[in-house]
Amino acid sequence: MIGAIFGRWWRVTLLVSAVGWPILLAATGAMSVGPALLGVSGLAVLNTGAGVLFHQIILRGGRRLRRAMASRRKQLPPANSFIGNGCHVPAAGHIGRRSAGR
C-alpha cells in the first residue's frame, strides 16, 4: 500500500521500507533483533516494490494517454470553425455585424 501511494518517489519509498519495517517490528517487540530482520527487510522491499510498480504503470500510462490526446487535439480543426461543406462559420459575437470599413 505504501508503494502504491508514494510510488512517485520510488527510491525513497524503497529505502524507507527496507529500513523502516524492520525497525518498526523490533521497536514494537513483534520480532527480536537478529538475522531474520534481513529477511523481513527483503520482504518489505518486495512488497513495496510491487506497489511502486503498480503506481509507475498507472503514472506512465496516464502520461502516454495525455500526450496522445494532446497530439490528437493539435491535428483536429477547432470544433465550430467549419461546416461539413467547407464554409466558414463566423464567431458567435460577429453574426449580423458589419465592420466599420464597409
Foldseek 3Di string as FASTA:
>chain_A
DQLLVPLVPVVVSLVCQLPVVLVVCCVVVVDPDDPVSNVVSVVSSVVSVVNSVVNVVVVVVVVVVVVVVVVVVVVDDDDQQADPVGDGDDDPVCPPDDDPVD
